[in-house]
Amino acid sequence: MSIALRSGYLMPLVGMGTWKVPKEDAADTIYNAIRVGYRLFDGACDYGNEKECGEGVARAIKDGLVKREDLFITSKLWNTFHAKEHVLPMVKKQLKDWGLEYFDLYLIHFPIALAYVDPSVRYPPEWAFDGKSEFKLQNTPFQETWQALEEVHKLGLARDIGFANVAGVLLCDVMRYAKVLPAILQIEHHPYLVQQPLVDLAKQFGLALTAYSSFGPASFIEIGWDKNTASLFKHPLIGGIAKAHGKTAAQVLLRWSTQQGIAVIPKSNFPNLITENLTHVDFNLTAEEIKAISGLDLGLRFNNPVAIDSRFGIFA
């Protein structure tokens, strides 16, 4: 199953995210995921494992598991590289790390421009300017960054471009000046954060959507950002629907998104769950079940580092 993007290229509806995949495991994780059938991989500069992920891709191609054109690779521009003079060099570095000639999709990771950090000094730069506690914004308009991505697209280094973590107001603004229209909006999306008005707006503008953190708080426990929120895996509504369909809670949560035409990129370190996540599309929820799951919405955002981390209190 796939989604047609503006370029005409198809993006798989189910992929694998690489956030929090340890560097030492990344090559094997990607290789084994390709072996069981994954074709979409979602990476980013900030994940710090792109070189290792690329090694997994290269091994799979060398072993004849896939050809490059069978894969859909996404990467993202980090906040410290928003100035136009930094965008193209960063894309080229990331392509080199992956061992690729082009990305299928390249996104602006956050609509937050931070002060430039030379990659030779620290890579990935993360949030703090000094790598510890100093936080510096940079006065780079989002329009400048988007126009630099348009040049990346023109050069053939990214077949489609888009952004993540962008709200409706900024989306409307980009659509006013974009010469290359965004293909994808990637957002945190789960039953505790449905964001239906934003989803509807993106679809109205012709953007496809990708959901990350489909399991809600479960994605954030290990970094302490789960806010002690009740697990969706153990929610009685989700459990009851899963039992009715003979599926797991995880499969129900993923199907809730994909049945609405929203791509998902779950990550797991366990082979059985990797396969389970990939094969969740072999059943359909009823309209009533989708509505009931959406009714769990709390407007609860877990990926909000500038509000959670006290170093970035100016945004809280």
C-alpha atoms as a PDB file:
ATOM      1  CA  MET A   1       0.000   0.000   0.000  1.00  0.00           C
ATOM      2  CA  SER A   2       1.321   3.449  -0.868  1.00  0.00           C
ATOM      3  CA  ILE A   3       0.529   7.143  -1.168  1.00  0.00           C
ATOM      4  CA  ALA A   4       1.054   9.142  -4.370  1.00  0.00           C
ATOM      5  CA  LEU A   5       3.039  12.331  -3.770  1.00  0.00           C
ATOM      6  CA  ARG A   6       3.018  15.525  -5.837  1.00  0.00           C
ATOM      7  CA  SER A   7       5.993  14.335  -7.858  1.00  0.00           C
ATOM      8  CA  GLY A   8       4.096  11.221  -8.898  1.00  0.00           C
ATOM      9  CA  TYR A   9       6.419   9.003  -6.874  1.00  0.00           C
ATOM     10  CA  LEU A  10       4.825   6.579  -4.443  1.00  0.00           C
ATOM     11  CA  MET A  11       5.583   6.558  -0.719  1.00  0.00           C
ATOM     12  CA  PRO A  12       4.852   3.333   1.195  1.00  0.00           C
ATOM     13  CA  LEU A  13       2.068   3.675   3.733  1.00  0.00           C
ATOM     14  CA  VAL A  14       4.102   1.823   6.366  1.00  0.00           C
ATOM     15  CA  GLY A  15       7.754   2.444   7.110  1.00  0.00           C
ATOM     16  CA  MET A  16      10.303   2.345   9.889  1.00  0.00           C
ATOM     17  CA  GLY A  17      11.487   5.306  11.918  1.00  0.00           C
ATOM     18  CA  THR A  18      15.138   5.479  12.931  1.00  0.00           C
ATOM     19  CA  TRP A  19      14.848   7.851  15.896  1.00  0.00           C
ATOM     20  CA  LYS A  20      16.539   6.301  18.955  1.00  0.00           C
ATOM     21  CA  VAL A  21      17.987   3.399  16.973  1.00  0.00           C
ATOM     22  CA  PRO A  22      21.472   3.031  18.547  1.00  0.00           C
ATOM     23  CA  LYS A  23      24.353   3.619  16.160  1.00  0.00           C
ATOM     24  CA  GLU A  24      25.849   0.240  16.955  1.00  0.00           C
ATOM     25  CA  ASP A  25      22.585  -1.490  15.962  1.00  0.00           C
ATOM     26  CA  ALA A  26      21.458   0.730  13.082  1.00  0.00           C
ATOM     27  CA  ALA A  27      23.083  -1.108  10.156  1.00  0.00           C
ATOM     28  CA  ASP A  28      21.720  -4.499  11.230  1.00  0.00           C
ATOM     29  CA  THR A  29      18.313  -3.000  12.077  1.00  0.00           C
ATOM     30  CA  ILE A  30      17.916  -1.471   8.630  1.00  0.00           C
ATOM     31  CA  TYR A  31      19.242  -4.542   6.850  1.00  0.00           C
ATOM     32  CA  ASN A  32      16.894  -6.891   8.712  1.00  0.00           C
ATOM     33  CA  ALA A  33      13.939  -4.556   8.180  1.00  0.00           C
ATOM     34  CA  ILE A  34      14.591  -4.572   4.428  1.00  0.00           C
ATOM     35  CA  ARG A  35      14.854  -8.352   4.552  1.00  0.00           C
ATOM     36  CA  VAL A  36      11.351  -8.689   6.073  1.00  0.00           C
ATOM     37  CA  GLY A  37       9.802  -6.220   3.620  1.00  0.00           C
ATOM     38  CA  TYR A  38      10.251  -2.597   4.773  1.00  0.00           C
ATOM     39  CA  ARG A  39      10.924  -0.118   1.992  1.00  0.00           C
ATOM     40  CA  LEU A  40      10.342   3.258   3.704  1.00  0.00           C
ATOM     41  CA  PHE A  41      12.911   4.519   6.213  1.00  0.00           C
ATOM     42  CA  ASP A  42      12.616   7.820   8.042  1.00  0.00           C
ATOM     43  CA  GLY A  43      15.905   9.364   9.144  1.00  0.00           C
ATOM     44  CA  ALA A  44      17.285  12.727  10.241  1.00  0.00           C
ATOM     45  CA  CYS A  45      20.537  14.499  10.967  1.00  0.00           C
ATOM     46  CA  ASP A  46      19.508  14.821  14.615  1.00  0.00           C
ATOM     47  CA  TYR A  47      19.212  11.059  15.090  1.00  0.00           C
ATOM     48  CA  GLY A  48      22.980  10.723  14.824  1.00  0.00           C
ATOM     49  CA  ASN A  49      22.853   7.372  13.013  1.00  0.00           C
ATOM     50  CA  GLU A  50      22.506   8.186   9.318  1.00  0.00           C
ATOM     51  CA  LYS A  51      25.913   6.807   8.340  1.00  0.00           C
ATOM     52  CA  GLU A  52      25.132   3.504  10.037  1.00  0.00           C
ATOM     53  CA  CYS A  53      21.647   3.354   8.520  1.00  0.00           C
ATOM     54  CA  GLY A  54      23.237   3.911   5.127  1.00  0.00           C
ATOM     55  CA  GLU A  55      25.568   0.993   5.767  1.00  0.00           C
ATOM     56  CA  GLY A  56      22.524  -1.233   6.280  1.00  0.00           C
ATOM     57  CA  VAL A  57      21.034   0.001   3.009  1.00  0.00           C
ATOM     58  CA  ALA A  58      24.293  -0.559   1.126  1.00  0.00           C
ATOM     59  CA  ARG A  59      24.611  -4.104   2.452  1.00  0.00           C
ATOM     60  CA  ALA A  60      21.038  -4.930   1.455  1.00  0.00           C
ATOM     61  CA  ILE A  61      21.622  -3.626  -2.064  1.00  0.00           C
ATOM     62  CA  LYS A  62      24.943  -5.466  -2.337  1.00  0.00           C
ATOM     63  CA  ASP A  63      23.283  -8.716  -1.230  1.00  0.00           C
ATOM     64  CA  GLY A  64      20.563  -8.298  -3.842  1.00  0.00           C
ATOM     65  CA  LEU A  65      17.686  -7.844  -1.391  1.00  0.00           C
ATOM     66  CA  VAL A  66      16.603  -4.605  -3.103  1.00  0.00           C
ATOM     67  CA  LYS A  67      17.623  -2.037  -5.659  1.00  0.00           C
ATOM     68  CA  ARG A  68      17.957   1.626  -4.715  1.00  0.00           C
ATOM     69  CA  GLU A  69      14.782   2.458  -6.623  1.00  0.00           C
ATOM     70  CA  ASP A  70      12.838  -0.004  -4.451  1.00  0.00           C
ATOM     71  CA  LEU A  71      13.517   2.075  -1.348  1.00  0.00           C
ATOM     72  CA  PHE A  72      12.014   5.320  -0.099  1.00  0.00           C
ATOM     73  CA  ILE A  73      14.473   7.215   2.102  1.00  0.00           C
ATOM     74  CA  THR A  74      13.483  10.313   4.061  1.00  0.00           C
ATOM     75  CA  SER A  75      15.840  12.657   5.873  1.00  0.00           C
ATOM     76  CA  LYS A  76      15.503  16.008   7.606  1.00  0.00           C
ATOM     77  CA  LEU A  77      17.273  19.347   7.884  1.00  0.00           C
ATOM     78  CA  TRP A  78      18.221  20.217  11.447  1.00  0.00           C
ATOM     79  CA  ASN A  79      17.455  23.581  13.065  1.00  0.00           C
ATOM     80  CA  THR A  80      21.047  24.857  12.994  1.00  0.00           C
ATOM     81  CA  PHE A  81      21.245  24.674   9.201  1.00  0.00           C
ATOM     82  CA  HIS A  82      18.265  26.837   8.201  1.00  0.00           C
ATOM     83  CA  ALA A  83      20.254  29.646   6.557  1.00  0.00           C
ATOM     84  CA  LYS A  84      20.291  29.302   2.765  1.00  0.00           C
ATOM     85  CA  GLU A  85      24.085  28.976   2.605  1.00  0.00           C
ATOM     86  CA  HIS A  86      23.985  25.951   4.920  1.00  0.00           C
ATOM     87  CA  VAL A  87      21.132  23.954   3.418  1.00  0.00           C
ATOM     88  CA  LEU A  88      22.777  22.541   0.299  1.00  0.00           C
ATOM     89  CA  PRO A  89      26.060  21.583   2.013  1.00  0.00           C
ATOM     90  CA  MET A  90      24.087  19.800   4.714  1.00  0.00           C
ATOM     91  CA  VAL A  91      21.952  17.869   2.221  1.00  0.00           C
ATOM     92  CA  LYS A  92      25.130  16.761   0.431  1.00  0.00           C
ATOM     93  CA  LYS A  93      26.696  15.662   3.724  1.00  0.00           C
ATOM     94  CA  GLN A  94      23.617  13.666   4.675  1.00  0.00           C
ATOM     95  CA  LEU A  95      23.485  12.031   1.256  1.00  0.00           C
ATOM     96  CA  LYS A  96      27.129  11.059   1.647  1.00  0.00           C
ATOM     97  CA  ASP A  97      26.374   9.603   5.094  1.00  0.00           C
ATOM     98  CA  TRP A  98      23.562   7.505   3.637  1.00  0.00           C
ATOM     99  CA  GLY A  99      25.621   6.599   0.574  1.00  0.00           C
ATOM    100  CA  LEU A 100      22.882   7.913  -1.711  1.00  0.00           C
ATOM    101  CA  GLU A 101      22.646  10.167  -4.749  1.00  0.00           C
ATOM    102  CA  TYR A 102      19.214  11.517  -3.800  1.00  0.00           C
ATOM    103  CA  PHE A 103      16.610  11.446  -1.043  1.00  0.00           C
ATOM    104  CA  ASP A 104      13.081  10.440  -1.924  1.00  0.00           C
ATOM    105  CA  LEU A 105      11.874  13.016   0.592  1.00  0.00           C
ATOM    106  CA  TYR A 106      13.657  15.785   2.472  1.00  0.00           C
ATOM    107  CA  LEU A 107      11.952  17.680   5.292  1.00  0.00           C
ATOM    108  CA  ILE A 108      12.562  20.708   7.478  1.00  0.00           C
ATOM    109  CA  HIS A 109      12.621  19.028  10.888  1.00  0.00           C
ATOM    110  CA  PHE A 110      11.261  21.915  13.006  1.00  0.00           C
ATOM    111  CA  PRO A 111      10.179  25.467  12.129  1.00  0.00           C
ATOM    112  CA  ILE A 112      12.818  26.764  14.555  1.00  0.00           C
ATOM    113  CA  ALA A 113      16.021  28.388  13.308  1.00  0.00           C
ATOM    114  CA  LEU A 114      18.937  27.964  15.708  1.00  0.00           C
ATOM    115  CA  ALA A 115      22.391  29.497  15.544  1.00  0.00           C
ATOM    116  CA  TYR A 116      24.730  27.685  13.167  1.00  0.00           C
ATOM    117  CA  VAL A 117      27.036  25.028  14.572  1.00  0.00           C
ATOM    118  CA  ASP A 118      29.845  23.880  12.296  1.00  0.00           C
ATOM    119  CA  PRO A 119      29.453  20.117  11.685  1.00  0.00           C
ATOM    120  CA  SER A 120      33.222  19.727  12.086  1.00  0.00           C
ATOM    121  CA  VAL A 121      32.873  21.009  15.645  1.00  0.00           C
ATOM    122  CA  ARG A 122      29.909  18.907  16.741  1.00  0.00           C
ATOM    123  CA  TYR A 123      27.567  16.667  14.783  1.00  0.00           C
ATOM    124  CA  PRO A 124      24.700  16.306  15.213  1.00  0.00           C
ATOM    125  CA  PRO A 125      24.473  19.715  16.920  1.00  0.00           C
ATOM    126  CA  GLU A 126      21.312  18.959  18.949  1.00  0.00           C
ATOM    127  CA  TRP A 127      19.515  21.863  20.622  1.00  0.00           C
ATOM    128  CA  ALA A 128      22.115  23.673  22.723  1.00  0.00           C
ATOM    129  CA  PHE A 129      24.605  25.943  20.961  1.00  0.00           C
ATOM    130  CA  ASP A 130      27.467  24.827  23.192  1.00  0.00           C
ATOM    131  CA  GLY A 131      26.260  21.238  23.502  1.00  0.00           C
ATOM    132  CA  LYS A 132      25.312  21.852  27.122  1.00  0.00           C
ATOM    133  CA  SER A 133      22.933  24.637  28.094  1.00  0.00           C
ATOM    134  CA  GLU A 134      23.409  27.701  25.882  1.00  0.00           C
ATOM    135  CA  PHE A 135      20.412  28.233  23.609  1.00  0.00           C
ATOM    136  CA  LYS A 136      20.685  30.597  20.627  1.00  0.00           C
ATOM    137  CA  LEU A 137      18.054  31.457  18.066  1.00  0.00           C
ATOM    138  CA  GLN A 138      18.959  32.619  14.561  1.00  0.00           C
ATOM    139  CA  ASN A 139      17.049  35.223  12.574  1.00  0.00           C
ATOM    140  CA  THR A 140      16.398  33.098   9.481  1.00  0.00           C
ATOM    141  CA  PRO A 141      12.885  33.375   7.989  1.00  0.00           C
ATOM    142  CA  PHE A 142      11.177  30.094   7.202  1.00  0.00           C
ATOM    143  CA  GLN A 143      10.690  31.345   3.641  1.00  0.00           C
ATOM    144  CA  GLU A 144      14.471  31.465   3.148  1.00  0.00           C
ATOM    145  CA  THR A 145      14.823  27.882   4.295  1.00  0.00           C
ATOM    146  CA  TRP A 146      11.974  26.694   2.117  1.00  0.00           C
ATOM    147  CA  GLN A 147      13.394  28.399  -0.955  1.00  0.00           C
ATOM    148  CA  ALA A 148      16.737  26.696  -0.281  1.00  0.00           C
ATOM    149  CA  LEU A 149      14.910  23.352  -0.216  1.00  0.00           C
ATOM    150  CA  GLU A 150      13.342  24.245  -3.551  1.00  0.00           C
ATOM    151  CA  GLU A 151      16.867  24.540  -4.939  1.00  0.00           C
ATOM    152  CA  VAL A 152      17.696  21.106  -3.482  1.00  0.00           C
ATOM    153  CA  HIS A 153      14.658  19.756  -5.327  1.00  0.00           C
ATOM    154  CA  LYS A 154      15.644  21.544  -8.562  1.00  0.00           C
ATOM    155  CA  LEU A 155      19.094  19.928  -8.408  1.00  0.00           C
ATOM    156  CA  GLY A 156      17.520  16.486  -8.119  1.00  0.00           C
ATOM    157  CA  LEU A 157      18.896  15.823  -4.631  1.00  0.00           C
ATOM    158  CA  ALA A 158      15.384  15.332  -3.254  1.00  0.00           C
ATOM    159  CA  ARG A 159      12.453  14.069  -5.287  1.00  0.00           C
ATOM    160  CA  ASP A 160       9.952  15.636  -2.903  1.00  0.00           C
ATOM    161  CA  ILE A 161      10.276  18.188  -0.117  1.00  0.00           C
ATOM    162  CA  GLY A 162       8.169  19.052   2.896  1.00  0.00           C
ATOM    163  CA  PHE A 163       8.338  19.716   6.609  1.00  0.00           C
ATOM    164  CA  ALA A 164       7.550  18.354  10.034  1.00  0.00           C
ATOM    165  CA  ASN A 165       6.042  19.855  13.188  1.00  0.00           C
ATOM    166  CA  VAL A 166       4.495  22.789  11.336  1.00  0.00           C
ATOM    167  CA  ALA A 167       1.203  24.277  12.501  1.00  0.00           C
ATOM    168  CA  GLY A 168      -1.653  25.411  10.289  1.00  0.00           C
ATOM    169  CA  VAL A 169      -0.772  29.112  10.251  1.00  0.00           C
ATOM    170  CA  LEU A 170       2.720  28.473   8.908  1.00  0.00           C
ATOM    171  CA  LEU A 171       1.400  25.905   6.454  1.00  0.00           C
ATOM    172  CA  CYS A 172      -0.962  28.520   5.029  1.00  0.00           C
ATOM    173  CA  ASP A 173       1.905  30.989   4.760  1.00  0.00           C
ATOM    174  CA  VAL A 174       4.181  28.586   2.872  1.00  0.00           C
ATOM    175  CA  MET A 175       1.434  27.820   0.383  1.00  0.00           C
ATOM    176  CA  ARG A 176       1.353  31.526  -0.543  1.00  0.00           C
ATOM    177  CA  TYR A 177       4.945  31.719  -1.751  1.00  0.00           C
ATOM    178  CA  ALA A 178       6.063  28.161  -2.513  1.00  0.00           C
ATOM    179  CA  LYS A 179       7.124  27.568  -6.124  1.00  0.00           C
ATOM    180  CA  VAL A 180       7.644  23.878  -5.337  1.00  0.00           C
ATOM    181  CA  LEU A 181       4.677  22.864  -3.231  1.00  0.00           C
ATOM    182  CA  PRO A 182       5.309  20.784  -0.112  1.00  0.00           C
ATOM    183  CA  ALA A 183       4.504  17.113  -0.570  1.00  0.00           C
ATOM    184  CA  ILE A 184       4.425  15.938   3.039  1.00  0.00           C
ATOM    185  CA  LEU A 185       3.579  17.192   6.494  1.00  0.00           C
ATOM    186  CA  GLN A 186       4.959  14.950   9.228  1.00  0.00           C
ATOM    187  CA  ILE A 187       3.326  15.360  12.633  1.00  0.00           C
ATOM    188  CA  GLU A 188       3.018  13.740  16.015  1.00  0.00           C
ATOM    189  CA  HIS A 189      -0.234  11.832  15.658  1.00  0.00           C
ATOM    190  CA  HIS A 190      -1.891   9.361  18.002  1.00  0.00           C
ATOM    191  CA  PRO A 191      -5.266   9.068  19.792  1.00  0.00           C
ATOM    192  CA  TYR A 192      -4.130  11.478  22.527  1.00  0.00           C
ATOM    193  CA  LEU A 193      -3.160  14.065  19.867  1.00  0.00           C
ATOM    194  CA  VAL A 194      -5.486  13.774  16.875  1.00  0.00           C
ATOM    195  CA  GLN A 195      -4.927  17.282  15.437  1.00  0.00           C
ATOM    196  CA  GLN A 196      -7.938  16.864  13.157  1.00  0.00           C
ATOM    197  CA  PRO A 197      -8.128  20.512  11.972  1.00  0.00           C
ATOM    198  CA  LEU A 198      -4.449  20.386  10.942  1.00  0.00           C
ATOM    199  CA  VAL A 199      -4.913  17.017   9.232  1.00  0.00           C
ATOM    200  CA  ASP A 200      -7.913  18.353   7.331  1.00  0.00           C
ATOM    201  CA  LEU A 201      -6.073  21.535   6.324  1.00  0.00           C
ATOM    202  CA  ALA A 202      -3.061  19.612   5.036  1.00  0.00           C
ATOM    203  CA  LYS A 203      -5.282  17.348   2.972  1.00  0.00           C
ATOM    204  CA  GLN A 204      -7.154  20.378   1.629  1.00  0.00           C
ATOM    205  CA  PHE A 205      -3.826  21.768   0.383  1.00  0.00           C
ATOM    206  CA  GLY A 206      -2.971  18.438  -1.227  1.00  0.00           C
ATOM    207  CA  LEU A 207      -0.269  17.380   1.228  1.00  0.00           C
ATOM    208  CA  ALA A 208       0.160  13.775   2.265  1.00  0.00           C
ATOM    209  CA  LEU A 209       0.684  13.136   5.976  1.00  0.00           C
ATOM    210  CA  THR A 210       3.055  10.986   7.970  1.00  0.00           C
ATOM    211  CA  ALA A 211       2.413  10.214  11.620  1.00  0.00           C
ATOM    212  CA  TYR A 212       5.213   9.735  14.099  1.00  0.00           C
ATOM    213  CA  SER A 213       4.946   8.490  17.688  1.00  0.00           C
ATOM    214  CA  SER A 214       1.828   6.504  16.774  1.00  0.00           C
ATOM    215  CA  PHE A 215       1.921   4.764  20.152  1.00  0.00           C
ATOM    216  CA  GLY A 216       1.679   8.018  22.114  1.00  0.00           C
ATOM    217  CA  PRO A 217       3.509   8.047  25.448  1.00  0.00           C
ATOM    218  CA  ALA A 218       5.252   4.731  24.766  1.00  0.00           C
ATOM    219  CA  SER A 219       7.610   6.528  22.369  1.00  0.00           C
ATOM    220  CA  PHE A 220       8.808   8.902  25.084  1.00  0.00           C
ATOM    221  CA  ILE A 221       9.180   6.800  28.243  1.00  0.00           C
ATOM    222  CA  GLU A 222      12.914   6.195  27.830  1.00  0.00           C
ATOM    223  CA  ILE A 223      13.659   9.917  27.507  1.00  0.00           C
ATOM    224  CA  GLY A 224      11.312  10.933  30.316  1.00  0.00           C
ATOM    225  CA  TRP A 225       8.843  12.890  28.200  1.00  0.00           C
ATOM    226  CA  ASP A 226       5.810  10.635  28.639  1.00  0.00           C
ATOM    227  CA  LYS A 227       4.299  12.866  31.374  1.00  0.00           C
ATOM    228  CA  ASN A 228       3.293   9.697  33.288  1.00  0.00           C
ATOM    229  CA  THR A 229       0.422   9.299  30.824  1.00  0.00           C
ATOM    230  CA  ALA A 230      -1.605   6.073  30.778  1.00  0.00           C
ATOM    231  CA  SER A 231      -0.423   3.644  28.117  1.00  0.00           C
ATOM    232  CA  LEU A 232      -2.497   3.394  24.961  1.00  0.00           C
ATOM    233  CA  PHE A 233      -1.473  -0.269  24.770  1.00  0.00           C
ATOM    234  CA  LYS A 234      -3.408  -0.884  27.989  1.00  0.00           C
ATOM    235  CA  HIS A 235      -6.392   1.359  27.271  1.00  0.00           C
ATOM    236  CA  PRO A 236      -9.634  -0.665  27.547  1.00  0.00           C
ATOM    237  CA  LEU A 237     -11.068   0.802  24.326  1.00  0.00           C
ATOM    238  CA  ILE A 238      -7.979  -0.093  22.311  1.00  0.00           C
ATOM    239  CA  GLY A 239      -7.780  -3.493  23.969  1.00  0.00           C
ATOM    240  CA  GLY A 240     -11.418  -4.264  23.245  1.00  0.00           C
ATOM    241  CA  ILE A 241     -11.099  -3.328  19.579  1.00  0.00           C
ATOM    242  CA  ALA A 242      -7.908  -5.364  19.281  1.00  0.00           C
ATOM    243  CA  LYS A 243      -9.611  -8.415  20.769  1.00  0.00           C
ATOM    244  CA  ALA A 244     -12.583  -8.026  18.434  1.00  0.00           C
ATOM    245  CA  HIS A 245     -10.294  -8.141  15.400  1.00  0.00           C
ATOM    246  CA  GLY A 246      -7.818 -10.684  16.737  1.00  0.00           C
ATOM    247  CA  LYS A 247      -5.043  -8.093  16.560  1.00  0.00           C
ATOM    248  CA  THR A 248      -2.643  -6.415  18.967  1.00  0.00           C
ATOM    249  CA  ALA A 249      -3.144  -2.962  20.446  1.00  0.00           C
ATOM    250  CA  ALA A 250      -0.171  -1.720  18.408  1.00  0.00           C
ATOM    251  CA  GLN A 251      -1.746  -2.924  15.181  1.00  0.00           C
ATOM    252  CA  VAL A 252      -5.009  -1.172  16.035  1.00  0.00           C
ATOM    253  CA  LEU A 253      -3.200   2.107  16.762  1.00  0.00           C
ATOM    254  CA  LEU A 254      -1.330   1.946  13.471  1.00  0.00           C
ATOM    255  CA  ARG A 255      -4.424   0.971  11.488  1.00  0.00           C
ATOM    256  CA  TRP A 256      -6.313   3.909  12.978  1.00  0.00           C
ATOM    257  CA  SER A 257      -3.858   6.159  11.120  1.00  0.00           C
ATOM    258  CA  THR A 258      -3.261   4.221   7.918  1.00  0.00           C
ATOM    259  CA  GLN A 259      -6.951   3.598   7.311  1.00  0.00           C
ATOM    260  CA  GLN A 260      -7.311   7.382   7.257  1.00  0.00           C
ATOM    261  CA  GLY A 261      -4.593   7.596   4.602  1.00  0.00           C
ATOM    262  CA  ILE A 262      -1.873   8.735   7.017  1.00  0.00           C
ATOM    263  CA  ALA A 263       1.488   6.977   6.692  1.00  0.00           C
ATOM    264  CA  VAL A 264       3.185   5.583   9.805  1.00  0.00           C
ATOM    265  CA  ILE A 265       6.839   5.050  10.710  1.00  0.00           C
ATOM    266  CA  PRO A 266       6.932   2.966  13.927  1.00  0.00           C
ATOM    267  CA  LYS A 267      10.225   1.756  15.337  1.00  0.00           C
ATOM    268  CA  SER A 268      10.928  -1.454  17.220  1.00  0.00           C
ATOM    269  CA  ASN A 269      14.055  -3.343  18.247  1.00  0.00           C
ATOM    270  CA  PHE A 270      12.266  -6.704  18.352  1.00  0.00           C
ATOM    271  CA  PRO A 271      12.001  -8.808  15.158  1.00  0.00           C
ATOM    272  CA  ASN A 272       8.490 -10.070  15.909  1.00  0.00           C
ATOM    273  CA  LEU A 273       7.196  -6.534  16.487  1.00  0.00           C
ATOM    274  CA  ILE A 274       8.958  -5.226  13.377  1.00  0.00           C
ATOM    275  CA  THR A 275       7.018  -7.751  11.315  1.00  0.00           C
ATOM    276  CA  GLU A 276       3.810  -7.133  13.268  1.00  0.00           C
ATOM    277  CA  ASN A 277       3.985  -3.393  12.590  1.00  0.00           C
ATOM    278  CA  LEU A 278       4.566  -3.924   8.873  1.00  0.00           C
ATOM    279  CA  THR A 279       1.655  -6.333   8.421  1.00  0.00           C
ATOM    280  CA  HIS A 280      -1.004  -4.403  10.325  1.00  0.00           C
ATOM    281  CA  VAL A 281      -2.873  -3.373   7.156  1.00  0.00           C
ATOM    282  CA  ASP A 282      -4.622  -6.725   6.596  1.00  0.00           C
ATOM    283  CA  PHE A 283      -7.790  -5.702   8.449  1.00  0.00           C
ATOM    284  CA  ASN A 284     -10.134  -2.707   8.640  1.00  0.00           C
ATOM    285  CA  LEU A 285     -11.590  -0.874  11.587  1.00  0.00           C
ATOM    286  CA  THR A 286     -15.224   0.137  11.413  1.00  0.00           C
ATOM    287  CA  ALA A 287     -16.141   3.800  11.075  1.00  0.00           C
ATOM    288  CA  GLU A 288     -17.502   3.652  14.608  1.00  0.00           C
ATOM    289  CA  GLU A 289     -14.227   2.254  15.926  1.00  0.00           C
ATOM    290  CA  ILE A 290     -12.199   4.979  14.217  1.00  0.00           C
ATOM    291  CA  LYS A 291     -14.508   7.620  15.674  1.00  0.00           C
ATOM    292  CA  ALA A 292     -14.279   6.098  19.155  1.00  0.00           C
ATOM    293  CA  ILE A 293     -10.474   5.996  19.046  1.00  0.00           C
ATOM    294  CA  SER A 294     -10.380   9.614  17.842  1.00  0.00           C
ATOM    295  CA  GLY A 295     -12.591  10.438  20.808  1.00  0.00           C
ATOM    296  CA  LEU A 296      -9.655   9.741  23.135  1.00  0.00           C
ATOM    297  CA  ASP A 297      -8.089  13.035  21.991  1.00  0.00           C
ATOM    298  CA  LEU A 298      -6.590  15.048  24.855  1.00  0.00           C
ATOM    299  CA  GLY A 299      -4.606  17.516  22.769  1.00  0.00           C
ATOM    300  CA  LEU A 300      -1.595  16.035  24.555  1.00  0.00           C
ATOM    301  CA  ARG A 301       1.712  16.661  22.800  1.00  0.00           C
ATOM    302  CA  PHE A 302       4.739  14.685  23.966  1.00  0.00           C
ATOM    303  CA  ASN A 303       7.355  15.898  21.466  1.00  0.00           C
ATOM    304  CA  ASN A 304       7.748  19.450  22.690  1.00  0.00           C
ATOM    305  CA  PRO A 305      11.409  19.767  23.699  1.00  0.00           C
ATOM    306  CA  VAL A 306      11.478  23.542  23.913  1.00  0.00           C
ATOM    307  CA  ALA A 307       8.713  23.479  26.507  1.00  0.00           C
ATOM    308  CA  ILE A 308       9.898  20.422  28.451  1.00  0.00           C
ATOM    309  CA  ASP A 309      13.583  21.225  28.747  1.00  0.00           C
ATOM    310  CA  SER A 310      14.234  24.042  31.234  1.00  0.00           C
ATOM    311  CA  ARG A 311      17.143  25.287  29.110  1.00  0.00           C
ATOM    312  CA  PHE A 312      14.603  26.391  26.530  1.00  0.00           C
ATOM    313  CA  GLY A 313      12.179  27.996  28.968  1.00  0.00           C
ATOM    314  CA  ILE A 314      11.689  31.017  26.735  1.00  0.00           C
ATOM    315  CA  PHE A 315       9.238  28.879  24.756  1.00  0.00           C
ATOM    316  CA  ALA A 316       7.357  27.377  27.727  1.00  0.00           C
END
